[in-house]
Every structure is written in structure tokens, then in C-alpha cells.
Amino acid sequence: GRDLTAPGFRLEPLLRPPTFIPVSMRAGEVFRELRRQKVHLAMVVDEYGGITGLVTMEDLLEELFGEIRDEYDEAEAT
């Protein structure tokens, strides 16, 4: 692995353009848009273009199917 604290480490090659979703978009549409763009999170914007939050694919799936637990959730609970 690479040392992320090394002086030569550059963040720019890792960056991807953000996905923006209007706060008025329905959950099903958000789900389809995230799948279409092959991303797992999006910034939510209000009618003025201000960022109001962040939504993840996991958030949407939990709304549909209930709580999704993984090994990281188990570690946080202890």
C-alpha cells in the first residue's frame, strides 16, 4: 500500500466529479440516477443550488429494506 502521509502523495488522481441530486427528487428516481451514474453517493441541493446534505445508496436501500448491518456496524456497536 501507499503511504498517504508521504510528501509526494497527490489527492487529485483519486477525485471524481460529484453527483448532485435535487432535494425534490423522489427516492426511486434517486436510486435509478445513482445506478445510472454508477456512484454510491450524491450531494443533495436545494432550489437555490445550496448543498443541504448527502444521500448514499445504503441510505436508500435501508429505507426500502430496513437496517443493513455489516462488519463495520458491528465494530461501532461494541
PDB file of N, CA and C in Angstrom:
ATOM      1  N   GLY A   1       0.821  -1.192   0.000  1.00  0.00           N
ATOM      2  CA  GLY A   1       0.000   0.000   0.000  1.00  0.00           C
ATOM      3  C   GLY A   1       0.860   1.249   0.000  1.00  0.00           C
ATOM      4  N   ARG A   2       0.244   2.325  -0.379  1.00  0.00           N
ATOM      5  CA  ARG A   2       0.947   3.613  -0.419  1.00  0.00           C
ATOM      6  C   ARG A   2       0.790   4.345   0.900  1.00  0.00           C
ATOM      7  N   ASP A   3       1.802   5.118   1.247  1.00  0.00           N
ATOM      8  CA  ASP A   3       1.766   5.942   2.454  1.00  0.00           C
ATOM      9  C   ASP A   3       1.028   7.235   2.122  1.00  0.00           C
ATOM     10  N   LEU A   4      -0.181   7.378   2.632  1.00  0.00           N
ATOM     11  CA  LEU A   4      -0.989   8.556   2.330  1.00  0.00           C
ATOM     12  C   LEU A   4      -0.451   9.826   2.972  1.00  0.00           C
ATOM     13  N   THR A   5       0.481   9.684   3.924  1.00  0.00           N
ATOM     14  CA  THR A   5       1.060  10.864   4.558  1.00  0.00           C
ATOM     15  C   THR A   5       2.384  11.272   3.923  1.00  0.00           C
ATOM     16  N   ALA A   6       2.843  10.510   2.935  1.00  0.00           N
ATOM     17  CA  ALA A   6       4.117  10.812   2.267  1.00  0.00           C
ATOM     18  C   ALA A   6       4.024  12.146   1.535  1.00  0.00           C
ATOM     19  N   PRO A   7       5.132  12.909   1.495  1.00  0.00           N
ATOM     20  CA  PRO A   7       5.117  14.218   0.839  1.00  0.00           C
ATOM     21  C   PRO A   7       4.697  14.174  -0.630  1.00  0.00           C
ATOM     22  N   GLY A   8       4.969  13.095  -1.345  1.00  0.00           N
ATOM     23  CA  GLY A   8       4.650  13.030  -2.765  1.00  0.00           C
ATOM     24  C   GLY A   8       3.227  12.577  -3.076  1.00  0.00           C
ATOM     25  N   PHE A   9       2.449  12.233  -2.042  1.00  0.00           N
ATOM     26  CA  PHE A   9       1.094  11.759  -2.292  1.00  0.00           C
ATOM     27  C   PHE A   9       0.225  12.886  -2.827  1.00  0.00           C
ATOM     28  N   ARG A  10      -0.516  12.595  -3.914  1.00  0.00           N
ATOM     29  CA  ARG A  10      -1.411  13.587  -4.512  1.00  0.00           C
ATOM     30  C   ARG A  10      -2.836  13.055  -4.495  1.00  0.00           C
ATOM     31  N   LEU A  11      -3.749  13.877  -4.059  1.00  0.00           N
ATOM     32  CA  LEU A  11      -5.153  13.513  -3.978  1.00  0.00           C
ATOM     33  C   LEU A  11      -5.859  13.607  -5.331  1.00  0.00           C
ATOM     34  N   GLU A  12      -5.399  14.503  -6.187  1.00  0.00           N
ATOM     35  CA  GLU A  12      -6.087  14.778  -7.451  1.00  0.00           C
ATOM     36  C   GLU A  12      -6.386  13.543  -8.304  1.00  0.00           C
ATOM     37  N   PRO A  13      -5.473  12.586  -8.443  1.00  0.00           N
ATOM     38  CA  PRO A  13      -5.791  11.419  -9.282  1.00  0.00           C
ATOM     39  C   PRO A  13      -6.960  10.576  -8.759  1.00  0.00           C
ATOM     40  N   LEU A  14      -7.289  10.725  -7.487  1.00  0.00           N
ATOM     41  CA  LEU A  14      -8.369   9.943  -6.891  1.00  0.00           C
ATOM     42  C   LEU A  14      -9.736  10.609  -7.015  1.00  0.00           C
ATOM     43  N   LEU A  15      -9.753  11.886  -7.357  1.00  0.00           N
ATOM     44  CA  LEU A  15     -11.000  12.644  -7.373  1.00  0.00           C
ATOM     45  C   LEU A  15     -11.910  12.249  -8.523  1.00  0.00           C
ATOM     46  N   ARG A  16     -13.208  12.270  -8.239  1.00  0.00           N
ATOM     47  CA  ARG A  16     -14.238  12.058  -9.257  1.00  0.00           C
ATOM     48  C   ARG A  16     -15.207  13.225  -9.173  1.00  0.00           C
ATOM     49  N   PRO A  17     -15.849  13.571 -10.275  1.00  0.00           N
ATOM     50  CA  PRO A  17     -16.815  14.679 -10.201  1.00  0.00           C
ATOM     51  C   PRO A  17     -17.988  14.293  -9.297  1.00  0.00           C
ATOM     52  N   PRO A  18     -18.483  15.236  -8.493  1.00  0.00           N
ATOM     53  CA  PRO A  18     -19.601  14.924  -7.606  1.00  0.00           C
ATOM     54  C   PRO A  18     -20.907  14.767  -8.381  1.00  0.00           C
ATOM     55  N   THR A  19     -21.812  14.008  -7.808  1.00  0.00           N
ATOM     56  CA  THR A  19     -23.161  13.863  -8.343  1.00  0.00           C
ATOM     57  C   THR A  19     -24.080  14.725  -7.491  1.00  0.00           C
ATOM     58  N   PHE A  20     -24.908  15.531  -8.141  1.00  0.00           N
ATOM     59  CA  PHE A  20     -25.850  16.400  -7.438  1.00  0.00           C
ATOM     60  C   PHE A  20     -27.273  15.949  -7.726  1.00  0.00           C
ATOM     61  N   ILE A  21     -28.090  15.896  -6.684  1.00  0.00           N
ATOM     62  CA  ILE A  21     -29.479  15.463  -6.771  1.00  0.00           C
ATOM     63  C   ILE A  21     -30.343  16.562  -6.156  1.00  0.00           C
ATOM     64  N   PRO A  22     -31.417  16.984  -6.835  1.00  0.00           N
ATOM     65  CA  PRO A  22     -32.304  17.979  -6.217  1.00  0.00           C
ATOM     66  C   PRO A  22     -33.078  17.372  -5.046  1.00  0.00           C
ATOM     67  N   VAL A  23     -33.269  18.158  -4.010  1.00  0.00           N
ATOM     68  CA  VAL A  23     -33.964  17.687  -2.809  1.00  0.00           C
ATOM     69  C   VAL A  23     -35.392  17.246  -3.139  1.00  0.00           C
ATOM     70  N   SER A  24     -35.951  17.740  -4.216  1.00  0.00           N
ATOM     71  CA  SER A  24     -37.324  17.398  -4.605  1.00  0.00           C
ATOM     72  C   SER A  24     -37.434  16.049  -5.318  1.00  0.00           C
ATOM     73  N   MET A  25     -36.318  15.421  -5.671  1.00  0.00           N
ATOM     74  CA  MET A  25     -36.350  14.157  -6.410  1.00  0.00           C
ATOM     75  C   MET A  25     -36.843  13.025  -5.508  1.00  0.00           C
ATOM     76  N   ARG A  26     -37.722  12.202  -6.027  1.00  0.00           N
ATOM     77  CA  ARG A  26     -38.253  11.054  -5.275  1.00  0.00           C
ATOM     78  C   ARG A  26     -37.172   9.987  -5.084  1.00  0.00           C
ATOM     79  N   ALA A  27     -37.315   9.219  -4.011  1.00  0.00           N
ATOM     80  CA  ALA A  27     -36.303   8.219  -3.654  1.00  0.00           C
ATOM     81  C   ALA A  27     -36.047   7.231  -4.788  1.00  0.00           C
ATOM     82  N   GLY A  28     -37.097   6.776  -5.454  1.00  0.00           N
ATOM     83  CA  GLY A  28     -36.919   5.830  -6.555  1.00  0.00           C
ATOM     84  C   GLY A  28     -36.115   6.421  -7.698  1.00  0.00           C
ATOM     85  N   GLU A  29     -36.351   7.701  -7.974  1.00  0.00           N
ATOM     86  CA  GLU A  29     -35.596   8.381  -9.025  1.00  0.00           C
ATOM     87  C   GLU A  29     -34.134   8.543  -8.625  1.00  0.00           C
ATOM     88  N   VAL A  30     -33.904   8.862  -7.346  1.00  0.00           N
ATOM     89  CA  VAL A  30     -32.524   8.996  -6.851  1.00  0.00           C
ATOM     90  C   VAL A  30     -31.805   7.661  -7.004  1.00  0.00           C
ATOM     91  N   PHE A  31     -32.470   6.587  -6.605  1.00  0.00           N
ATOM     92  CA  PHE A  31     -31.887   5.249  -6.722  1.00  0.00           C
ATOM     93  C   PHE A  31     -31.485   4.965  -8.170  1.00  0.00           C
ATOM     94  N   ARG A  32     -32.402   5.228  -9.100  1.00  0.00           N
ATOM     95  CA  ARG A  32     -32.101   4.984 -10.520  1.00  0.00           C
ATOM     96  C   ARG A  32     -30.955   5.861 -11.015  1.00  0.00           C
ATOM     97  N   GLU A  33     -30.908   7.112 -10.573  1.00  0.00           N
ATOM     98  CA  GLU A  33     -29.839   8.016 -11.006  1.00  0.00           C
ATOM     99  C   GLU A  33     -28.482   7.568 -10.472  1.00  0.00           C
ATOM    100  N   LEU A  34     -28.425   7.151  -9.227  1.00  0.00           N
ATOM    101  CA  LEU A  34     -27.161   6.656  -8.668  1.00  0.00           C
ATOM    102  C   LEU A  34     -26.698   5.418  -9.428  1.00  0.00           C
ATOM    103  N   ARG A  35     -27.622   4.528  -9.745  1.00  0.00           N
ATOM    104  CA  ARG A  35     -27.264   3.330 -10.528  1.00  0.00           C
ATOM    105  C   ARG A  35     -26.805   3.711 -11.925  1.00  0.00           C
ATOM    106  N   ARG A  36     -27.509   4.651 -12.558  1.00  0.00           N
ATOM    107  CA  ARG A  36     -27.161   5.065 -13.917  1.00  0.00           C
ATOM    108  C   ARG A  36     -25.746   5.639 -13.969  1.00  0.00           C
ATOM    109  N   GLN A  37     -25.411   6.452 -12.955  1.00  0.00           N
ATOM    110  CA  GLN A  37     -24.090   7.076 -12.919  1.00  0.00           C
ATOM    111  C   GLN A  37     -23.031   6.172 -12.291  1.00  0.00           C
ATOM    112  N   LYS A  38     -23.455   5.018 -11.782  1.00  0.00           N
ATOM    113  CA  LYS A  38     -22.537   4.062 -11.142  1.00  0.00           C
ATOM    114  C   LYS A  38     -21.771   4.700  -9.983  1.00  0.00           C
ATOM    115  N   VAL A  39     -22.537   5.392  -9.121  1.00  0.00           N
ATOM    116  CA  VAL A  39     -21.979   6.002  -7.915  1.00  0.00           C
ATOM    117  C   VAL A  39     -22.802   5.541  -6.717  1.00  0.00           C
ATOM    118  N   HIS A  40     -22.238   5.715  -5.535  1.00  0.00           N
ATOM    119  CA  HIS A  40     -22.918   5.268  -4.321  1.00  0.00           C
ATOM    120  C   HIS A  40     -23.334   6.409  -3.416  1.00  0.00           C
ATOM    121  N   LEU A  41     -23.035   7.642  -3.820  1.00  0.00           N
ATOM    122  CA  LEU A  41     -23.473   8.774  -3.018  1.00  0.00           C
ATOM    123  C   LEU A  41     -23.661   9.999  -3.894  1.00  0.00           C
ATOM    124  N   ALA A  42     -24.480  10.927  -3.380  1.00  0.00           N
ATOM    125  CA  ALA A  42     -24.741  12.160  -4.116  1.00  0.00           C
ATOM    126  C   ALA A  42     -24.949  13.299  -3.127  1.00  0.00           C
ATOM    127  N   MET A  43     -24.589  14.495  -3.565  1.00  0.00           N
ATOM    128  CA  MET A  43     -24.862  15.700  -2.797  1.00  0.00           C
ATOM    129  C   MET A  43     -26.289  16.126  -3.116  1.00  0.00           C
ATOM    130  N   VAL A  44     -27.054  16.484  -2.094  1.00  0.00           N
ATOM    131  CA  VAL A  44     -28.437  16.920  -2.281  1.00  0.00           C
ATOM    132  C   VAL A  44     -28.457  18.444  -2.249  1.00  0.00           C
ATOM    133  N   VAL A  45     -29.065  19.038  -3.278  1.00  0.00           N
ATOM    134  CA  VAL A  45     -29.095  20.500  -3.383  1.00  0.00           C
ATOM    135  C   VAL A  45     -30.528  21.011  -3.307  1.00  0.00           C
ATOM    136  N   ASP A  46     -30.674  22.217  -2.726  1.00  0.00           N
ATOM    137  CA  ASP A  46     -31.988  22.849  -2.648  1.00  0.00           C
ATOM    138  C   ASP A  46     -32.261  23.653  -3.914  1.00  0.00           C
ATOM    139  N   GLU A  47     -33.386  24.354  -3.931  1.00  0.00           N
ATOM    140  CA  GLU A  47     -33.793  25.085  -5.130  1.00  0.00           C
ATOM    141  C   GLU A  47     -32.861  26.245  -5.474  1.00  0.00           C
ATOM    142  N   TYR A  48     -31.994  26.640  -4.531  1.00  0.00           N
ATOM    143  CA  TYR A  48     -31.041  27.724  -4.784  1.00  0.00           C
ATOM    144  C   TYR A  48     -29.654  27.204  -5.152  1.00  0.00           C
ATOM    145  N   GLY A  49     -29.502  25.892  -5.192  1.00  0.00           N
ATOM    146  CA  GLY A  49     -28.212  25.295  -5.519  1.00  0.00           C
ATOM    147  C   GLY A  49     -27.326  25.061  -4.316  1.00  0.00           C
ATOM    148  N   GLY A  50     -27.826  25.376  -3.116  1.00  0.00           N
ATOM    149  CA  GLY A  50     -27.055  25.140  -1.898  1.00  0.00           C
ATOM    150  C   GLY A  50     -27.109  23.672  -1.507  1.00  0.00           C
ATOM    151  N   ILE A  51     -26.018  23.182  -0.986  1.00  0.00           N
ATOM    152  CA  ILE A  51     -25.958  21.779  -0.563  1.00  0.00           C
ATOM    153  C   ILE A  51     -26.683  21.634   0.769  1.00  0.00           C
ATOM    154  N   THR A  52     -27.666  20.741   0.797  1.00  0.00           N
ATOM    155  CA  THR A  52     -28.433  20.512   2.018  1.00  0.00           C
ATOM    156  C   THR A  52     -28.056  19.217   2.712  1.00  0.00           C
ATOM    157  N   GLY A  53     -27.318  18.362   2.017  1.00  0.00           N
ATOM    158  CA  GLY A  53     -26.919  17.108   2.630  1.00  0.00           C
ATOM    159  C   GLY A  53     -26.307  16.144   1.642  1.00  0.00           C
ATOM    160  N   LEU A  54     -26.212  14.917   2.096  1.00  0.00           N
ATOM    161  CA  LEU A  54     -25.590  13.845   1.333  1.00  0.00           C
ATOM    162  C   LEU A  54     -26.504  12.630   1.451  1.00  0.00           C
ATOM    163  N   VAL A  55     -26.729  11.932   0.352  1.00  0.00           N
ATOM    164  CA  VAL A  55     -27.510  10.699   0.384  1.00  0.00           C
ATOM    165  C   VAL A  55     -26.657   9.583  -0.200  1.00  0.00           C
ATOM    166  N   THR A  56     -26.745   8.408   0.409  1.00  0.00           N
ATOM    167  CA  THR A  56     -25.972   7.266  -0.075  1.00  0.00           C
ATOM    168  C   THR A  56     -26.909   6.167  -0.566  1.00  0.00           C
ATOM    169  N   MET A  57     -26.368   5.290  -1.370  1.00  0.00           N
ATOM    170  CA  MET A  57     -27.128   4.133  -1.831  1.00  0.00           C
ATOM    171  C   MET A  57     -27.586   3.314  -0.622  1.00  0.00           C
ATOM    172  N   GLU A  58     -26.734   3.193   0.385  1.00  0.00           N
ATOM    173  CA  GLU A  58     -27.106   2.449   1.593  1.00  0.00           C
ATOM    174  C   GLU A  58     -28.307   3.093   2.274  1.00  0.00           C
ATOM    175  N   ASP A  59     -28.338   4.438   2.336  1.00  0.00           N
ATOM    176  CA  ASP A  59     -29.491   5.132   2.921  1.00  0.00           C
ATOM    177  C   ASP A  59     -30.779   4.728   2.212  1.00  0.00           C
ATOM    178  N   LEU A  60     -30.741   4.744   0.882  1.00  0.00           N
ATOM    179  CA  LEU A  60     -31.929   4.407   0.093  1.00  0.00           C
ATOM    180  C   LEU A  60     -32.349   2.955   0.303  1.00  0.00           C
ATOM    181  N   LEU A  61     -31.378   2.046   0.296  1.00  0.00           N
ATOM    182  CA  LEU A  61     -31.691   0.626   0.484  1.00  0.00           C
ATOM    183  C   LEU A  61     -32.261   0.356   1.873  1.00  0.00           C
ATOM    184  N   GLU A  62     -31.743   1.061   2.890  1.00  0.00           N
ATOM    185  CA  GLU A  62     -32.265   0.883   4.245  1.00  0.00           C
ATOM    186  C   GLU A  62     -33.701   1.385   4.353  1.00  0.00           C
ATOM    187  N   GLU A  63     -34.040   2.427   3.603  1.00  0.00           N
ATOM    188  CA  GLU A  63     -35.425   2.898   3.596  1.00  0.00           C
ATOM    189  C   GLU A  63     -36.356   1.839   3.010  1.00  0.00           C
ATOM    190  N   LEU A  64     -35.875   1.121   2.009  1.00  0.00           N
ATOM    191  CA  LEU A  64     -36.682   0.086   1.366  1.00  0.00           C
ATOM    192  C   LEU A  64     -36.741  -1.209   2.167  1.00  0.00           C
ATOM    193  N   PHE A  65     -35.600  -1.647   2.695  1.00  0.00           N
ATOM    194  CA  PHE A  65     -35.485  -2.988   3.271  1.00  0.00           C
ATOM    195  C   PHE A  65     -35.226  -3.023   4.767  1.00  0.00           C
ATOM    196  N   GLY A  66     -35.053  -1.888   5.400  1.00  0.00           N
ATOM    197  CA  GLY A  66     -34.718  -1.859   6.815  1.00  0.00           C
ATOM    198  C   GLY A  66     -33.213  -1.783   7.010  1.00  0.00           C
ATOM    199  N   GLU A  67     -32.806  -1.786   8.250  1.00  0.00           N
ATOM    200  CA  GLU A  67     -31.392  -1.621   8.611  1.00  0.00           C
ATOM    201  C   GLU A  67     -30.505  -2.655   7.930  1.00  0.00           C
ATOM    202  N   ILE A  68     -29.409  -2.172   7.359  1.00  0.00           N
ATOM    203  CA  ILE A  68     -28.409  -3.044   6.746  1.00  0.00           C
ATOM    204  C   ILE A  68     -27.192  -3.041   7.662  1.00  0.00           C
ATOM    205  N   ARG A  69     -26.850  -4.208   8.192  1.00  0.00           N
ATOM    206  CA  ARG A  69     -25.714  -4.300   9.101  1.00  0.00           C
ATOM    207  C   ARG A  69     -24.551  -4.953   8.381  1.00  0.00           C
ATOM    208  N   ASP A  70     -23.353  -4.430   8.648  1.00  0.00           N
ATOM    209  CA  ASP A  70     -22.143  -5.040   8.101  1.00  0.00           C
ATOM    210  C   ASP A  70     -21.092  -5.100   9.189  1.00  0.00           C
ATOM    211  N   GLU A  71     -19.910  -5.576   8.847  1.00  0.00           N
ATOM    212  CA  GLU A  71     -18.859  -5.748   9.860  1.00  0.00           C
ATOM    213  C   GLU A  71     -18.460  -4.434  10.518  1.00  0.00           C
ATOM    214  N   TYR A  72     -18.601  -3.316   9.808  1.00  0.00           N
ATOM    215  CA  TYR A  72     -18.250  -2.022  10.385  1.00  0.00           C
ATOM    216  C   TYR A  72     -19.304  -1.577  11.386  1.00  0.00           C
ATOM    217  N   ASP A  73     -20.570  -1.840  11.115  1.00  0.00           N
ATOM    218  CA  ASP A  73     -21.631  -1.522  12.062  1.00  0.00           C
ATOM    219  C   ASP A  73     -21.447  -2.306  13.351  1.00  0.00           C
ATOM    220  N   GLU A  74     -21.069  -3.577  13.251  1.00  0.00           N
ATOM    221  CA  GLU A  74     -20.847  -4.408  14.433  1.00  0.00           C
ATOM    222  C   GLU A  74     -19.716  -3.844  15.283  1.00  0.00           C
ATOM    223  N   ALA A  75     -18.640  -3.385  14.652  1.00  0.00           N
ATOM    224  CA  ALA A  75     -17.495  -2.837  15.384  1.00  0.00           C
ATOM    225  C   ALA A  75     -17.885  -1.556  16.109  1.00  0.00           C
ATOM    226  N   GLU A  76     -18.735  -0.731  15.512  1.00  0.00           N
ATOM    227  CA  GLU A  76     -19.163   0.518  16.134  1.00  0.00           C
ATOM    228  C   GLU A  76     -20.066   0.264  17.331  1.00  0.00           C
ATOM    229  N   ALA A  77     -20.826  -0.818  17.315  1.00  0.00           N
ATOM    230  CA  ALA A  77     -21.787  -1.111  18.373  1.00  0.00           C
ATOM    231  C   ALA A  77     -21.107  -1.545  19.665  1.00  0.00           C
ATOM    232  N   THR A  78     -19.879  -2.059  19.589  1.00  0.00           N
ATOM    233  CA  THR A  78     -19.203  -2.558  20.791  1.00  0.00           C
ATOM    234  C   THR A  78     -18.465  -1.471  21.506  1.00  0.00           C
TER     235      THR A  78
END
